[in-house]
Protein backbone atom coordinates (compact mmCIF):
# COMPACT_ATOMS: atom_id res chain seq x y z
CA MET A 1 -20.38 -15.76 9.85
CA SER A 2 -19.69 -11.97 9.64
CA ILE A 3 -18.26 -9.33 11.96
CA LEU A 4 -19.81 -5.86 12.30
CA VAL A 5 -18.10 -3.12 14.31
CA GLN A 6 -20.09 0.03 14.84
CA GLY A 7 -18.83 3.21 16.48
CA VAL A 8 -16.50 1.46 18.96
CA THR A 9 -14.60 3.72 21.37
CA LYS A 10 -12.36 2.38 24.14
CA LEU A 11 -11.03 4.54 26.94
CA TYR A 12 -8.31 3.59 29.39
CA GLY A 13 -8.73 6.36 31.94
CA GLU A 14 -8.19 9.54 29.87
CA GLN A 15 -6.34 7.69 27.08
CA LYS A 16 -8.46 6.92 24.01
CA ALA A 17 -7.21 3.63 22.56
CA LEU A 18 -10.08 3.42 19.91
CA ASP A 19 -11.92 6.40 18.50
CA ASN A 20 -15.35 5.69 16.90
CA VAL A 21 -14.15 2.67 14.91
CA SER A 22 -16.52 1.09 12.42
CA PHE A 23 -15.92 -1.67 9.84
CA GLY A 24 -17.30 -5.04 8.72
CA VAL A 25 -15.76 -8.36 7.69
CA LYS A 26 -17.80 -10.71 5.43
CA THR A 27 -17.99 -14.48 5.58
CA GLY A 28 -15.07 -16.08 3.64
CA GLU A 29 -13.03 -12.84 3.72
CA ILE A 30 -9.47 -12.45 5.09
CA VAL A 31 -8.93 -8.90 6.22
CA GLY A 32 -5.57 -7.56 7.21
CA PHE A 33 -5.79 -5.25 10.27
CA LEU A 34 -2.60 -3.11 10.16
CA GLY A 35 -1.15 -0.40 12.24
CA PRO A 36 1.97 0.68 14.24
CA ASN A 37 2.55 -0.37 17.84
CA GLY A 38 -0.12 1.24 20.09
CA ALA A 39 -2.52 1.96 17.22
CA GLY A 40 -5.34 0.02 18.86
CA LYS A 41 -5.21 -3.35 16.93
CA SER A 42 -4.95 -5.68 19.90
CA THR A 43 -7.57 -3.68 21.85
CA MET A 44 -10.05 -3.96 18.92
CA MET A 45 -9.46 -7.69 18.74
CA LYS A 46 -9.95 -8.21 22.44
CA ILE A 47 -13.31 -6.36 22.14
CA ILE A 48 -14.39 -8.44 19.16
CA THR A 49 -13.64 -11.65 21.07
CA GLY A 50 -15.41 -10.45 24.20
CA PHE A 51 -12.31 -10.40 26.44
CA ILE A 52 -12.79 -6.71 27.25
CA PRO A 53 -15.84 -4.47 26.78
CA ALA A 54 -16.01 -1.32 24.60
CA THR A 55 -16.59 1.98 26.37
CA SER A 56 -19.18 2.73 23.67
CA GLY A 57 -20.33 1.26 20.41
CA THR A 58 -21.19 -2.35 19.49
CA VAL A 59 -19.63 -5.46 17.93
CA SER A 60 -21.90 -8.07 16.39
CA VAL A 61 -21.09 -11.55 15.03
CA ASN A 62 -23.62 -12.94 12.64
CA GLY A 63 -26.11 -10.35 13.76
CA THR A 64 -25.80 -11.03 17.50
CA GLU A 65 -24.09 -8.50 19.78
CA ILE A 66 -20.94 -9.74 21.57
CA SER A 67 -21.02 -9.55 25.34
CA ALA A 68 -19.30 -11.17 28.32
CA ASP A 69 -22.53 -12.93 29.34
CA ASN A 70 -23.04 -14.61 25.94
CA PRO A 71 -20.58 -17.55 26.08
CA GLU A 72 -22.36 -19.49 23.29
CA LEU A 73 -21.70 -16.70 20.83
CA ARG A 74 -18.08 -16.49 21.88
CA LYS A 75 -17.74 -20.23 21.12
CA THR A 76 -18.17 -19.31 17.43
CA ILE A 77 -14.89 -17.36 17.58
CA GLY A 78 -11.34 -18.73 17.41
CA TYR A 79 -8.73 -16.40 18.86
CA LEU A 80 -4.93 -16.40 18.74
CA PRO A 81 -3.65 -13.54 20.93
CA GLU A 82 -0.35 -11.84 20.18
CA ASN A 83 1.43 -13.43 23.17
CA ASN A 84 0.01 -16.89 22.48
CA PRO A 85 -0.54 -17.96 26.10
CA LEU A 86 0.09 -21.69 26.42
CA TYR A 87 0.83 -24.24 29.22
CA PRO A 88 4.50 -25.13 28.72
CA GLU A 89 4.31 -28.20 31.02
CA MET A 90 1.42 -29.79 29.12
CA TYR A 91 2.07 -32.15 26.18
CA VAL A 92 0.68 -30.98 22.84
CA ARG A 93 -2.08 -33.57 22.66
CA GLU A 94 -2.90 -33.17 26.37
CA TYR A 95 -3.37 -29.44 25.87
CA LEU A 96 -5.60 -29.87 22.87
CA ASP A 97 -7.66 -32.42 24.87
CA PHE A 98 -8.07 -29.82 27.61
CA VAL A 99 -9.13 -27.13 25.16
CA SER A 100 -11.63 -29.53 23.49
CA SER A 101 -13.12 -30.30 26.89
CA LEU A 102 -13.80 -26.61 27.48
CA TYR A 103 -15.82 -26.53 24.26
CA LYS A 104 -17.54 -29.81 25.03
CA ILE A 105 -16.56 -31.21 21.65
CA VAL A 106 -18.21 -34.49 20.75
CA SER A 107 -15.79 -37.13 19.44
CA SER A 108 -12.89 -34.96 20.68
CA GLN A 109 -10.13 -37.49 19.92
CA LYS A 110 -11.16 -37.62 16.29
CA ARG A 111 -11.24 -33.84 16.15
CA ILE A 112 -7.81 -33.63 17.83
CA ASP A 113 -6.38 -36.04 15.21
CA ASN A 114 -7.80 -33.87 12.51
CA ILE A 115 -6.58 -30.57 13.80
CA ILE A 116 -3.13 -32.05 14.46
CA GLY A 117 -2.99 -33.05 10.80
CA ILE A 118 -4.33 -29.68 9.57
CA THR A 119 -1.75 -27.69 11.61
CA GLY A 120 1.21 -30.03 10.91
CA LEU A 121 1.73 -30.93 14.58
CA ALA A 122 1.98 -34.72 14.07
CA PRO A 123 5.82 -34.86 14.39
CA GLU A 124 5.68 -32.98 17.73
CA GLN A 125 2.40 -34.05 19.27
CA LYS A 126 4.09 -36.16 22.02
CA LYS A 127 6.36 -33.34 23.18
CA LYS A 128 5.78 -30.81 25.96
CA ILE A 129 4.76 -27.39 24.60
CA GLY A 130 7.74 -25.84 26.49
CA ALA A 131 10.10 -27.96 24.35
CA LEU A 132 8.69 -26.80 20.98
CA SER A 133 10.25 -24.19 18.66
CA LYS A 134 8.48 -20.89 18.29
CA GLY A 135 7.04 -22.03 14.96
CA TYR A 136 5.46 -25.15 16.50
CA ARG A 137 4.14 -23.18 19.48
CA GLN A 138 2.35 -20.93 17.01
CA ARG A 139 0.95 -24.03 15.37
CA VAL A 140 -0.39 -25.13 18.80
CA GLY A 141 -1.88 -21.66 19.22
CA LEU A 142 -3.64 -21.93 15.81
CA ALA A 143 -4.77 -25.45 16.69
CA GLN A 144 -6.57 -24.28 19.86
CA ALA A 145 -8.13 -21.41 17.90
CA LEU A 146 -9.40 -23.87 15.24
CA ILE A 147 -10.27 -26.99 17.29
CA HIS A 148 -13.94 -26.06 17.83
CA ASP A 149 -14.36 -25.21 14.15
CA PRO A 150 -15.30 -21.54 14.69
CA GLY A 151 -16.92 -19.47 11.98
CA VAL A 152 -14.79 -16.43 12.93
CA LEU A 153 -11.03 -16.49 13.34
CA ILE A 154 -9.11 -13.55 15.02
CA LEU A 155 -5.35 -13.78 14.65
CA ASP A 156 -3.14 -11.23 16.40
CA GLU A 157 0.43 -11.20 14.95
CA ALA A 158 0.18 -14.92 14.12
CA THR A 159 3.60 -14.92 12.26
CA SER A 160 5.51 -12.71 14.75
CA GLY A 161 9.02 -14.00 15.45
CA LEU A 162 8.91 -16.86 12.86
CA ASP A 163 11.65 -17.61 10.29
CA PRO A 164 10.79 -17.34 6.59
CA ASN A 165 9.91 -21.04 6.24
CA GLN A 166 7.65 -21.03 9.28
CA ILE A 167 5.95 -17.84 8.02
CA VAL A 168 5.03 -19.48 4.69
CA GLU A 169 3.68 -22.58 6.50
CA ILE A 170 1.47 -20.45 8.88
CA ARG A 171 0.46 -18.28 5.99
CA ASN A 172 -0.81 -21.28 4.08
CA LEU A 173 -2.80 -22.39 7.13
CA ILE A 174 -4.49 -19.02 7.32
CA ILE A 175 -5.30 -19.01 3.63
CA ASP A 176 -6.86 -22.48 3.89
CA ALA A 177 -8.90 -21.37 6.94
CA GLY A 178 -10.03 -18.28 5.12
CA LYS A 179 -11.76 -20.39 2.45
CA GLU A 180 -14.63 -21.16 4.87
CA LYS A 181 -14.21 -18.73 7.72
CA THR A 182 -14.26 -14.97 8.44
CA VAL A 183 -10.67 -14.02 9.26
CA LEU A 184 -9.27 -10.82 10.87
CA PHE A 185 -5.56 -10.93 10.77
CA SER A 186 -3.11 -8.37 12.27
CA THR A 187 0.55 -8.25 11.25
CA HIS A 188 3.51 -5.84 11.07
CA ILE A 189 4.85 -7.66 7.96
CA MET A 190 3.48 -5.88 4.86
CA GLN A 191 4.48 -8.75 2.57
CA GLU A 192 2.29 -11.10 4.75
CA ALA A 193 -0.77 -8.84 4.39
CA GLU A 194 -0.25 -8.67 0.64
CA ALA A 195 0.16 -12.42 0.36
CA VAL A 196 -2.74 -13.43 2.65
CA CYS A 197 -5.45 -10.76 2.75
CA ASP A 198 -8.30 -9.84 0.47
CA ARG A 199 -8.83 -6.41 2.10
CA ILE A 200 -6.68 -4.06 4.14
CA ILE A 201 -7.75 -1.95 7.10
CA ILE A 202 -5.12 0.53 8.44
CA ILE A 203 -5.60 1.98 11.92
CA ASN A 204 -3.46 4.74 13.57
CA ASN A 205 -3.99 6.45 16.85
CA GLY A 206 -7.24 4.57 17.37
CA LYS A 207 -8.82 5.76 14.13
CA ILE A 208 -9.38 3.99 10.80
CA MET A 209 -7.19 5.54 8.17
CA ALA A 210 -8.00 3.29 5.22
CA ASP A 211 -10.37 0.43 4.40
CA GLU A 212 -9.90 -0.89 0.83
CA LEU A 213 -9.48 -4.01 -1.21
CA LYS A 214 -5.84 -5.00 -1.35
CA ASN A 215 -5.57 -4.16 -5.02
CA ASN A 216 -7.07 -0.69 -4.50
CA ILE A 217 -5.16 0.34 -1.42
CA HIS A 218 -2.85 2.71 -3.20
CA SER A 219 -5.93 4.75 -4.15
CA VAL A 220 -5.97 6.25 -0.57
CA LEU A 221 -2.90 8.28 -1.37
CA LYS A 222 -3.80 11.85 -2.10
CA LYS A 223 -1.42 11.97 -5.07
CA HIS A 224 -0.63 9.11 -7.37
CA ARG A 225 2.97 7.92 -6.95
CA GLN A 226 5.35 6.10 -9.19
CA ILE A 227 8.64 4.49 -8.26
CA ILE A 228 11.25 3.99 -10.92
CA LYS A 229 14.26 1.70 -10.37
CA ILE A 230 16.80 2.76 -12.96
CA GLU A 231 20.42 1.94 -13.65
CA PHE A 232 22.68 4.33 -15.56
CA ASP A 233 26.10 3.64 -16.93
CA ARG A 234 27.39 6.19 -14.42
CA ASN A 235 25.97 8.27 -11.59
CA PRO A 236 23.91 11.38 -12.59
CA ASP A 237 23.81 14.68 -10.83
CA VAL A 238 21.08 14.21 -8.13
CA SER A 239 20.21 17.89 -8.30
CA GLU A 240 19.51 17.55 -11.99
CA LEU A 241 17.38 14.48 -11.38
CA LEU A 242 15.23 16.37 -8.93
CA ARG A 243 14.56 19.09 -11.53
CA ILE A 244 12.55 16.61 -13.61
CA GLU A 245 8.89 17.63 -13.31
CA GLY A 246 7.09 15.37 -10.91
CA VAL A 247 10.20 13.81 -9.29
CA VAL A 248 10.10 14.24 -5.47
CA HIS A 249 12.90 11.88 -4.42
CA ALA A 250 16.01 10.41 -6.03
CA ASN A 251 18.06 8.03 -3.90
CA PRO A 252 21.10 5.94 -4.87
CA VAL A 253 20.77 2.21 -4.11
CA SER A 254 24.10 0.78 -5.16
CA GLY A 255 26.64 1.55 -7.88
CA SER A 256 24.70 3.48 -10.52
CA LEU A 257 21.30 2.01 -9.50
CA TRP A 258 18.70 4.63 -8.37
CA ASN A 259 15.28 4.76 -6.96
CA ILE A 260 13.34 7.69 -8.31
CA GLU A 261 9.93 8.61 -6.78
CA ALA A 262 7.48 10.77 -8.73
CA GLU A 263 4.01 12.18 -8.14
CA GLY A 264 1.22 12.59 -10.74
CA GLU A 265 -0.76 10.45 -13.12
CA GLN A 266 1.56 11.06 -16.15
CA ASP A 267 4.14 8.37 -16.76
CA ILE A 268 7.48 9.77 -15.65
CA ARG A 269 9.59 7.38 -17.80
CA PRO A 270 9.82 9.50 -20.97
CA ALA A 271 11.03 12.48 -19.00
CA ILE A 272 13.73 10.27 -17.41
CA PHE A 273 14.84 9.01 -20.84
CA SER A 274 14.96 12.64 -22.10
CA PHE A 275 17.07 13.54 -19.04
CA ALA A 276 19.46 10.63 -19.81
CA VAL A 277 19.90 11.72 -23.49
CA LYS A 278 20.46 15.28 -22.51
CA ASN A 279 23.10 14.33 -19.99
CA ASN A 280 24.85 11.72 -22.24
CA LEU A 281 23.81 8.86 -19.84
CA THR A 282 23.00 5.32 -21.00
CA VAL A 283 20.04 3.60 -19.37
CA LEU A 284 21.10 -0.05 -18.57
CA SER A 285 17.82 -1.04 -16.97
CA LEU A 286 14.49 0.53 -15.85
CA GLN A 287 11.57 -0.86 -13.89
CA LYS A 288 8.38 1.00 -12.92
CA GLU A 289 6.49 0.10 -9.68
CA GLU A 290 3.21 1.42 -8.51
CA SER A 291 2.59 2.52 -4.89
CA ASN A 292 2.73 -0.59 -2.69
CA LEU A 293 1.21 -1.37 0.67
CA GLU A 294 4.30 -0.47 2.68
CA GLU A 295 4.32 2.98 1.18
CA VAL A 296 0.66 3.50 1.79
CA PHE A 297 1.09 2.29 5.39
CA ARG A 298 4.04 4.70 6.04
CA HIS A 299 2.14 7.60 4.55
CA LEU A 300 -1.04 7.00 6.52
CA THR A 301 0.70 6.18 9.87
CA SER A 302 2.99 9.16 9.78
CA ILE A 303 0.15 11.69 9.56
């Protein structure tokens, strides 16, 4: 199944949460939906899932427009909201049985067994949800989103508040789901987006700022940027570093290790070596990095 968002605007009184937003997500694609707090991510996801209406514009899933009075279409969507609303007094298996009854799932106990296995909930399935760790509560949230085998999966901050081990586990669940489903995934963690997503959409102040394949995301920067991590045998004069053509920032990291940021297509490393020779500095190590997702995100969301 695919998602198509066309010209969606959402107003809350006089406040414009979304401003003429358009994008698509293809079947089998995991798309990262990134933006700062208040950018409009959660609002967009609620509109896609049919929880709230758009002020104008349309959202279609597999060619059919989403609306509150089309519950059958909404059954094709799995949704994990940011706050992951659960019933803490219910047992894990009891809760999943309740959710499966809402979807009128045939052979529900078999499906519950399957989804408990997929999400790694077996060790905790006899516990009350309120007694679970944050990581296992997120697994329960994913289980309810997946239990009816939806074609579209909407995940709003699915790894928020998890420890590194839990993040990796949830990440692997999302990657596995994305092999067969259309996944729209929001996160504040840039490393998560880089590890999980095929494509990146960046939204800021309700407007789409970038929509690119993950490997091409640095192309949205107006000027090509290079980051050089270099260690000298002693600290250089920062004012002299900044005189190198193309260098825009030079920041000490620790000891004699420096981050040097340069603009332009021409490789800055020969100029830095020449600078070192001229100033009787020995280069102990040097590593060049291209613009990464975090840099692109900061650039686009600070505009």
